[in-house]
Protein backbone atom coordinates (compact mmCIF):
# COMPACT_ATOMS: atom_id res chain seq x y z
CA MET A 1 165.92 81.90 74.28
CA SER A 2 168.91 82.26 76.68
CA PRO A 3 169.77 79.50 79.12
CA ILE A 4 168.51 81.03 82.40
CA PRO A 5 164.94 81.57 81.02
CA THR A 6 165.03 78.03 79.31
CA ALA A 7 165.90 76.60 82.61
CA LEU A 8 163.28 78.53 84.70
CA THR A 9 160.62 77.43 82.13
CA CYS A 10 161.70 73.72 82.45
CA LEU A 11 161.61 74.04 86.38
CA ARG A 12 158.22 75.68 86.50
CA ASN A 13 156.81 72.97 84.09
CA TRP A 14 158.32 69.99 85.87
CA PRO A 15 155.32 68.41 87.75
CA LEU A 16 155.06 68.56 91.61
CA GLY A 17 156.08 65.56 93.56
CA THR A 18 158.67 62.99 92.78
CA HIS A 19 158.94 61.63 89.26
CA TYR A 20 161.69 59.73 87.09
CA GLY A 21 163.60 62.04 84.67
CA GLN A 22 166.52 62.19 82.51
CA SER A 23 169.14 64.84 81.75
CA GLY A 24 172.45 64.71 80.10
CA GLY A 25 172.02 61.00 79.32
CA LYS A 26 171.81 60.26 82.95
CA HIS A 27 168.56 58.99 84.80
CA TYR A 28 167.34 60.66 87.94
CA LEU A 29 164.73 60.60 90.66
CA VAL A 30 163.52 64.08 90.78
CA SER A 31 161.44 65.85 93.51
CA LYS A 32 159.90 69.12 93.24
CA THR A 33 158.14 71.07 96.06
CA VAL A 34 156.34 74.41 95.94
CA PHE A 35 156.18 76.99 98.65
CA ALA A 36 154.45 80.41 98.90
CA ALA A 37 151.92 79.89 96.35
CA GLY A 38 154.68 79.06 93.81
CA ARG A 39 156.95 81.73 94.57
CA SER A 40 159.39 79.54 95.89
CA ILE A 41 160.40 76.06 94.44
CA LYS A 42 162.80 73.42 95.75
CA LEU A 43 164.04 70.75 93.37
CA VAL A 44 166.30 67.91 94.29
CA ALA A 45 167.56 65.11 91.96
CA HIS A 46 169.58 62.02 92.74
CA GLU A 47 171.16 60.06 89.82
CA ARG A 48 169.71 56.45 89.67
CA GLY A 49 172.52 54.06 89.80
CA GLY A 50 175.17 56.75 89.97
CA ASN A 51 176.58 59.38 92.19
CA ASP A 52 175.26 62.74 90.75
CA TYR A 53 173.20 65.05 92.82
CA ILE A 54 171.29 68.27 91.99
CA SER A 55 169.77 70.49 94.44
CA LEU A 56 168.37 74.04 93.88
CA CYS A 57 165.91 76.63 95.06
CA PHE A 58 164.09 79.10 92.93
CA TYR A 59 162.69 82.37 94.37
CA ASP A 60 160.40 84.75 92.57
CA LEU A 61 161.45 87.93 94.19
CA THR A 62 160.11 91.50 93.74
CA ALA A 63 163.69 92.35 92.46
CA GLY A 64 163.16 89.48 89.94
CA PRO A 65 163.63 85.70 89.79
CA ARG A 66 166.60 84.21 91.60
CA LEU A 67 167.85 80.73 90.83
CA ALA A 68 169.98 79.31 93.84
CA PRO A 69 171.99 76.25 93.46
CA CYS A 70 172.79 74.42 96.53
CA GLU A 71 176.57 73.95 96.82
CA MET A 72 177.04 73.49 93.17
CA PRO A 73 177.99 75.59 90.07
CA LEU A 74 174.91 77.68 88.50
CA ASP A 75 175.89 76.25 85.21
CA LYS A 76 175.46 72.76 86.33
CA VAL A 77 172.00 73.62 87.49
CA ILE A 78 171.12 75.46 84.38
CA THR A 79 172.48 72.54 82.05
CA PHE A 80 170.42 69.95 84.08
CA LEU A 81 167.30 71.82 84.01
CA SER A 82 167.43 72.68 80.24
CA GLN A 83 168.00 69.12 79.50
CA LEU A 84 165.47 67.53 82.01
CA ARG A 85 162.77 65.48 80.42
CA ARG A 86 160.26 63.27 82.27
CA GLU A 87 160.57 59.46 81.71
CA GLY A 88 157.13 57.68 80.88
CA ASN A 89 154.52 57.88 83.51
CA ARG A 90 156.32 56.51 86.27
CA GLY A 91 156.81 58.46 89.44
C-alpha cells in the first residue's frame, strides 16, 4: 500500500478525542476532532517532553480525499500518521 492511503487509514482509525500516542520513537498527546459527519478531520499532536508539533486537516471531497498539513511538509505528516500507534489505554 502506498504511503498516502496508509496514512489516511491510520488517521481514520485513530480514536476521537485526546489520547497518548507514539510515532517515530517520540511520544505525543494527540487530539482528533471530526466534522461534517466524518468528511472533515482535524488532528493535532504535541510531543510530550519535546518541541515537535503536528497539525493537519483531512477533507473527503467530491473530487477525492485531500490531506492538508498546517504549515509543515506533507511528507512529515504522512510519516507521522503511518507510524502513529496508541499508547496503552490512557487518554
